[in-house]
């Protein structure tokens, strides 16, 4: 999966934030909509779309969408 598709799938985990705001450099935890439920949605998305299991602790260590993408890609190899 390329980063652009990952960003799009990541944006789909959020209901109230416009998809145009999502970029690889976005610090997603600064979004008003960010919550633990959003984190669970990201975990589910990574499992469903990429077949990769990540944890809540790993998400909390990430700052940007690219950080999460890099984590997923490192586990895919």
C-alpha atoms as a PDB file:
ATOM      1  CA  UNK A   1       0.000   0.000   0.000  1.00  0.00           C
ATOM      2  CA  UNK A   2       1.340   3.423  -0.847  1.00  0.00           C
ATOM      3  CA  UNK A   3       1.265   6.355   1.563  1.00  0.00           C
ATOM      4  CA  UNK A   4      -1.506   8.198  -0.291  1.00  0.00           C
ATOM      5  CA  UNK A   5      -3.890   5.249  -0.019  1.00  0.00           C
ATOM      6  CA  UNK A   6      -2.932   4.828   3.630  1.00  0.00           C
ATOM      7  CA  UNK A   7      -3.717   8.502   4.337  1.00  0.00           C
ATOM      8  CA  UNK A   8      -7.094   8.120   2.631  1.00  0.00           C
ATOM      9  CA  UNK A   9      -7.913   4.993   4.645  1.00  0.00           C
ATOM     10  CA  UNK A  10      -6.702   6.751   7.807  1.00  0.00           C
ATOM     11  CA  UNK A  11      -8.995   9.715   7.077  1.00  0.00           C
ATOM     12  CA  UNK A  12     -11.924   7.319   6.722  1.00  0.00           C
ATOM     13  CA  UNK A  13     -11.528   6.509  10.443  1.00  0.00           C
ATOM     14  CA  UNK A  14     -12.659  10.060  11.272  1.00  0.00           C
ATOM     15  CA  UNK A  15     -16.211  11.286  10.726  1.00  0.00           C
ATOM     16  CA  UNK A  16     -16.076  14.999  11.500  1.00  0.00           C
ATOM     17  CA  UNK A  17     -12.730  16.071  10.058  1.00  0.00           C
ATOM     18  CA  UNK A  18     -12.639  16.915   6.349  1.00  0.00           C
ATOM     19  CA  UNK A  19     -10.539  14.424   4.402  1.00  0.00           C
ATOM     20  CA  UNK A  20      -8.631  17.290   2.745  1.00  0.00           C
ATOM     21  CA  UNK A  21      -6.975  18.027   6.103  1.00  0.00           C
ATOM     22  CA  UNK A  22      -5.237  14.653   6.143  1.00  0.00           C
ATOM     23  CA  UNK A  23      -1.642  14.559   4.924  1.00  0.00           C
ATOM     24  CA  UNK A  24       1.263  12.279   5.834  1.00  0.00           C
ATOM     25  CA  UNK A  25       2.652  15.057   8.068  1.00  0.00           C
ATOM     26  CA  UNK A  26      -0.589  15.610  10.019  1.00  0.00           C
ATOM     27  CA  UNK A  27      -0.247  15.216  13.788  1.00  0.00           C
ATOM     28  CA  UNK A  28      -3.523  13.337  14.079  1.00  0.00           C
ATOM     29  CA  UNK A  29      -3.624  13.439  17.890  1.00  0.00           C
ATOM     30  CA  UNK A  30      -4.083  17.220  17.693  1.00  0.00           C
ATOM     31  CA  UNK A  31      -7.381  16.816  15.846  1.00  0.00           C
ATOM     32  CA  UNK A  32     -10.384  17.823  17.928  1.00  0.00           C
ATOM     33  CA  UNK A  33     -12.001  14.539  16.932  1.00  0.00           C
ATOM     34  CA  UNK A  34      -9.097  12.381  18.207  1.00  0.00           C
ATOM     35  CA  UNK A  35     -10.089   9.887  20.900  1.00  0.00           C
ATOM     36  CA  UNK A  36      -9.346   6.374  22.048  1.00  0.00           C
ATOM     37  CA  UNK A  37     -12.165   5.225  19.757  1.00  0.00           C
ATOM     38  CA  UNK A  38     -10.346   6.808  16.821  1.00  0.00           C
ATOM     39  CA  UNK A  39      -7.284   4.837  17.840  1.00  0.00           C
ATOM     40  CA  UNK A  40      -9.278   1.617  17.821  1.00  0.00           C
ATOM     41  CA  UNK A  41     -10.542   2.502  14.353  1.00  0.00           C
ATOM     42  CA  UNK A  42      -6.965   2.961  13.141  1.00  0.00           C
ATOM     43  CA  UNK A  43      -5.951  -0.388  14.651  1.00  0.00           C
ATOM     44  CA  UNK A  44      -8.893  -2.063  12.878  1.00  0.00           C
ATOM     45  CA  UNK A  45      -8.100  -0.302   9.592  1.00  0.00           C
ATOM     46  CA  UNK A  46      -4.466  -1.453   9.675  1.00  0.00           C
ATOM     47  CA  UNK A  47      -5.554  -5.030  10.337  1.00  0.00           C
ATOM     48  CA  UNK A  48      -8.259  -5.016   7.648  1.00  0.00           C
ATOM     49  CA  UNK A  49      -6.508  -3.073   4.880  1.00  0.00           C
ATOM     50  CA  UNK A  50      -2.884  -4.083   5.498  1.00  0.00           C
ATOM     51  CA  UNK A  51      -3.150  -7.337   7.424  1.00  0.00           C
ATOM     52  CA  UNK A  52      -0.885  -5.841  10.099  1.00  0.00           C
ATOM     53  CA  UNK A  53      -1.597  -5.753  13.829  1.00  0.00           C
ATOM     54  CA  UNK A  54      -0.529  -2.626  15.688  1.00  0.00           C
ATOM     55  CA  UNK A  55      -1.203  -1.696  19.290  1.00  0.00           C
ATOM     56  CA  UNK A  56      -2.616   1.340  21.009  1.00  0.00           C
ATOM     57  CA  UNK A  57       0.759   1.918  22.642  1.00  0.00           C
ATOM     58  CA  UNK A  58       2.406   2.008  19.207  1.00  0.00           C
ATOM     59  CA  UNK A  59      -0.139   4.550  17.995  1.00  0.00           C
ATOM     60  CA  UNK A  60       0.509   6.696  21.058  1.00  0.00           C
ATOM     61  CA  UNK A  61       4.235   6.699  20.221  1.00  0.00           C
ATOM     62  CA  UNK A  62       3.476   8.014  16.723  1.00  0.00           C
ATOM     63  CA  UNK A  63       3.055  11.712  16.032  1.00  0.00           C
ATOM     64  CA  UNK A  64       2.068  11.789  12.381  1.00  0.00           C
ATOM     65  CA  UNK A  65       0.166   9.620   9.955  1.00  0.00           C
ATOM     66  CA  UNK A  66       3.505   8.888   8.265  1.00  0.00           C
ATOM     67  CA  UNK A  67       4.819   7.556  11.583  1.00  0.00           C
ATOM     68  CA  UNK A  68       1.936   5.061  11.681  1.00  0.00           C
ATOM     69  CA  UNK A  69       2.473   4.206   8.012  1.00  0.00           C
ATOM     70  CA  UNK A  70       6.185   3.590   8.615  1.00  0.00           C
ATOM     71  CA  UNK A  71       5.317   1.358  11.574  1.00  0.00           C
ATOM     72  CA  UNK A  72       2.892  -0.693   9.479  1.00  0.00           C
ATOM     73  CA  UNK A  73       5.374  -0.981   6.619  1.00  0.00           C
ATOM     74  CA  UNK A  74       8.144  -2.082   8.999  1.00  0.00           C
ATOM     75  CA  UNK A  75       5.921  -4.898  10.230  1.00  0.00           C
ATOM     76  CA  UNK A  76       4.990  -5.886   6.672  1.00  0.00           C
ATOM     77  CA  UNK A  77       8.606  -6.690   5.789  1.00  0.00           C
END
